[in-house]
Amino acid sequence: MELEKISELEFVIKTAIKTKQSLGVLIEMPGFEMPEMIINPVENLEKKLEYYKATYDDNLEHKHAKGIKIIGYTFC
């Protein structure tokens, strides 16, 4: 599923925690043909939410690395 805003990612993470599911996050990066998927175990999601909110802006673009962006997710 696609994501556009940090508030959407926050909702998805809270849903994953509530339903006890791990979460795959799709990351778009310059120079790569396909997005990368990072799997976050449900046990790590509270800390990962803090990290994502500190590292990505409202549009899910990395604050310190131009071109890196969260574009989607999947429950695992």
Protein backbone atom coordinates (compact mmCIF):
# COMPACT_ATOMS: atom_id res chain seq x y z
CA MET A 1 0.00 0.00 0.00
CA GLU A 2 1.17 3.51 -0.75
CA LEU A 3 2.04 6.14 1.84
CA GLU A 4 2.23 9.91 1.39
CA LYS A 5 2.35 11.44 4.89
CA ILE A 6 4.07 10.69 8.20
CA SER A 7 0.63 10.67 9.85
CA GLU A 8 -0.37 7.74 7.61
CA LEU A 9 2.79 5.86 8.58
CA GLU A 10 2.08 6.51 12.25
CA PHE A 11 -1.45 5.10 11.86
CA VAL A 12 -0.12 2.02 10.05
CA ILE A 13 2.52 1.38 12.72
CA LYS A 14 -0.03 1.72 15.53
CA THR A 15 -2.32 -0.69 13.67
CA ALA A 16 0.53 -3.20 13.28
CA ILE A 17 1.30 -2.96 17.00
CA LYS A 18 -2.36 -3.42 17.93
CA THR A 19 -2.76 -6.43 15.62
CA LYS A 20 0.68 -7.84 16.52
CA GLN A 21 2.01 -7.83 12.95
CA SER A 22 5.48 -7.02 11.67
CA LEU A 23 5.70 -4.25 9.11
CA GLY A 24 7.55 -4.00 5.81
CA VAL A 25 8.42 -0.42 4.77
CA LEU A 26 9.29 0.39 1.14
CA ILE A 27 12.11 2.90 0.73
CA GLU A 28 12.85 4.65 -2.58
CA MET A 29 16.50 5.61 -3.10
CA PRO A 30 18.31 7.40 -5.93
CA GLY A 31 20.28 5.13 -8.23
CA PHE A 32 18.25 2.02 -7.45
CA GLU A 33 15.78 0.59 -9.93
CA MET A 34 13.46 -0.88 -7.30
CA PRO A 35 12.53 0.23 -3.78
CA GLU A 36 14.13 -1.51 -0.82
CA MET A 37 11.93 -3.26 1.74
CA ILE A 38 12.88 -3.08 5.38
CA ILE A 39 11.10 -5.51 7.71
CA ASN A 40 10.42 -4.20 11.21
CA PRO A 41 9.42 -6.85 13.79
CA VAL A 42 6.38 -5.86 15.81
CA GLU A 43 8.55 -5.77 18.95
CA ASN A 44 10.62 -2.91 17.44
CA LEU A 45 7.78 -0.79 16.06
CA GLU A 46 7.39 1.66 18.97
CA LYS A 47 11.09 2.63 18.74
CA LYS A 48 10.98 2.63 14.93
CA LEU A 49 8.07 5.08 14.99
CA GLU A 50 10.19 7.45 17.09
CA TYR A 51 13.05 7.02 14.59
CA TYR A 52 10.86 7.60 11.52
CA LYS A 53 9.31 10.73 13.04
CA ALA A 54 12.76 12.14 13.88
CA THR A 55 14.35 11.21 10.54
CA TYR A 56 11.62 11.77 7.92
CA ASP A 57 9.61 14.92 7.22
CA ASP A 58 5.82 15.22 6.85
CA ASN A 59 6.05 14.00 3.23
CA LEU A 60 8.13 10.96 4.25
CA GLU A 61 11.33 12.36 2.72
CA HIS A 62 14.56 11.73 4.63
CA LYS A 63 15.61 14.95 6.38
CA HIS A 64 19.35 14.35 5.94
CA ALA A 65 19.68 12.30 2.74
CA LYS A 66 18.11 13.86 -0.34
CA GLY A 67 16.17 11.48 -2.54
CA ILE A 68 15.45 8.83 0.09
CA LYS A 69 11.73 8.49 0.72
CA ILE A 70 9.27 6.08 2.32
CA ILE A 71 6.73 5.21 -0.36
CA GLY A 72 4.74 2.27 0.96
CA TYR A 73 4.21 -0.55 3.41
CA THR A 74 2.95 -4.08 3.82
CA PHE A 75 1.99 -6.08 6.88
CA CYS A 76 4.07 -9.21 7.35
